[in-house]
C-alpha cells in the first residue's frame, strides 16, 4: 500500500502511481481542490487529513492481505 502526494517535484502522484505495480493499492493525498487524476487510486484523501483515517485505511488493508493470498492459492495451487 502506498500513500502518494499529488504535488511532487518534477512529477505528479499519478506519474508515480503509474510506475508502481498495478497490484499494489495506492491512495492519493492532496490539498488540490480539483485534481486531474489519470490513474486509478483506491481513494483520494484531502489535506489536512486525520490520522485516524490513515490508521483505518492501513488496518483495512492489513486485514485483507490473508484473503488476497488465499484467493491466489485457489487460482494457482503453486502459490
Protein backbone atom coordinates (compact mmCIF):
# COMPACT_ATOMS: atom_id res chain seq x y z
CA UNK A 1 0.00 0.00 0.00
CA UNK A 2 1.33 3.42 -1.00
CA UNK A 3 0.21 6.86 0.13
CA UNK A 4 1.26 9.25 -2.61
CA UNK A 5 1.18 13.04 -2.52
CA UNK A 6 -0.17 14.58 -5.71
CA UNK A 7 2.22 17.52 -5.96
CA UNK A 8 5.82 16.35 -6.21
CA UNK A 9 8.98 17.90 -7.66
CA UNK A 10 9.14 17.27 -11.42
CA UNK A 11 6.08 14.96 -11.49
CA UNK A 12 2.67 14.21 -10.02
CA UNK A 13 1.41 11.44 -7.80
CA UNK A 14 -0.30 9.99 -10.87
CA UNK A 15 3.10 9.65 -12.55
CA UNK A 16 4.46 7.78 -9.53
CA UNK A 17 1.37 5.55 -9.30
CA UNK A 18 1.70 4.61 -12.96
CA UNK A 19 5.26 3.39 -12.32
CA UNK A 20 4.24 1.22 -9.34
CA UNK A 21 2.97 -2.34 -9.87
CA UNK A 22 -0.78 -2.25 -10.55
CA UNK A 23 -1.44 -4.93 -7.92
CA UNK A 24 -0.35 -2.53 -5.16
CA UNK A 25 -3.09 -0.36 -3.68
CA UNK A 26 -2.46 3.36 -3.99
CA UNK A 27 -4.05 6.23 -2.09
CA UNK A 28 -3.63 9.78 -3.33
CA UNK A 29 -3.12 12.53 -0.75
CA UNK A 30 -3.63 16.10 -1.94
CA UNK A 31 -4.55 19.64 -0.98
CA UNK A 32 -5.58 20.41 -4.57
CA UNK A 33 -9.30 21.09 -4.89
CA UNK A 34 -9.55 19.72 -8.40
CA UNK A 35 -7.06 17.04 -9.30
CA UNK A 36 -6.78 15.83 -12.88
CA UNK A 37 -6.07 12.26 -11.88
CA UNK A 38 -5.34 9.92 -14.76
CA UNK A 39 -4.65 6.85 -12.64
CA UNK A 40 -6.91 4.58 -10.63
CA UNK A 41 -6.37 5.25 -6.93
CA UNK A 42 -8.24 3.25 -4.31
CA UNK A 43 -9.04 6.50 -2.53
CA UNK A 44 -8.25 10.22 -2.70
CA UNK A 45 -7.68 11.92 0.66
CA UNK A 46 -7.66 15.68 1.03
CA UNK A 47 -5.19 17.55 3.22
CA UNK A 48 -5.17 18.19 6.04
CA UNK A 49 -6.10 14.60 6.76
CA UNK A 50 -6.89 12.98 10.08
CA UNK A 51 -4.51 10.36 11.42
CA UNK A 52 -7.50 8.18 12.36
CA UNK A 53 -8.44 7.90 8.68
CA UNK A 54 -4.92 6.84 7.70
CA UNK A 55 -4.85 4.27 10.51
CA UNK A 56 -8.24 2.91 9.44
CA UNK A 57 -7.13 2.52 5.81
CA UNK A 58 -3.95 0.71 6.86
CA UNK A 59 -5.91 -1.55 9.20
CA UNK A 60 -8.42 -2.41 6.44
CA UNK A 61 -5.57 -3.15 4.05
CA UNK A 62 -3.78 -5.42 6.53
CA UNK A 63 -6.92 -7.40 7.35
CA UNK A 64 -7.45 -8.08 3.62
CA UNK A 65 -3.92 -9.37 2.97
CA UNK A 66 -4.51 -13.00 4.03
CA UNK A 67 -7.68 -13.07 1.91
CA UNK A 68 -5.80 -11.89 -1.17
CA UNK A 69 -3.13 -14.56 -0.67
CA UNK A 70 -5.77 -17.27 -0.11
CA UNK A 71 -7.61 -16.31 -3.30
CA UNK A 72 -4.33 -16.60 -5.24
CA UNK A 73 -3.85 -20.10 -3.82
CA UNK A 74 -7.31 -21.12 -5.00
CA UNK A 75 -6.47 -19.96 -8.52
CA UNK A 76 -2.96 -21.39 -8.57
CA UNK A 77 -2.05 -24.12 -6.04
CA UNK A 78 1.67 -23.42 -6.61
CA UNK A 79 1.39 -20.05 -4.76
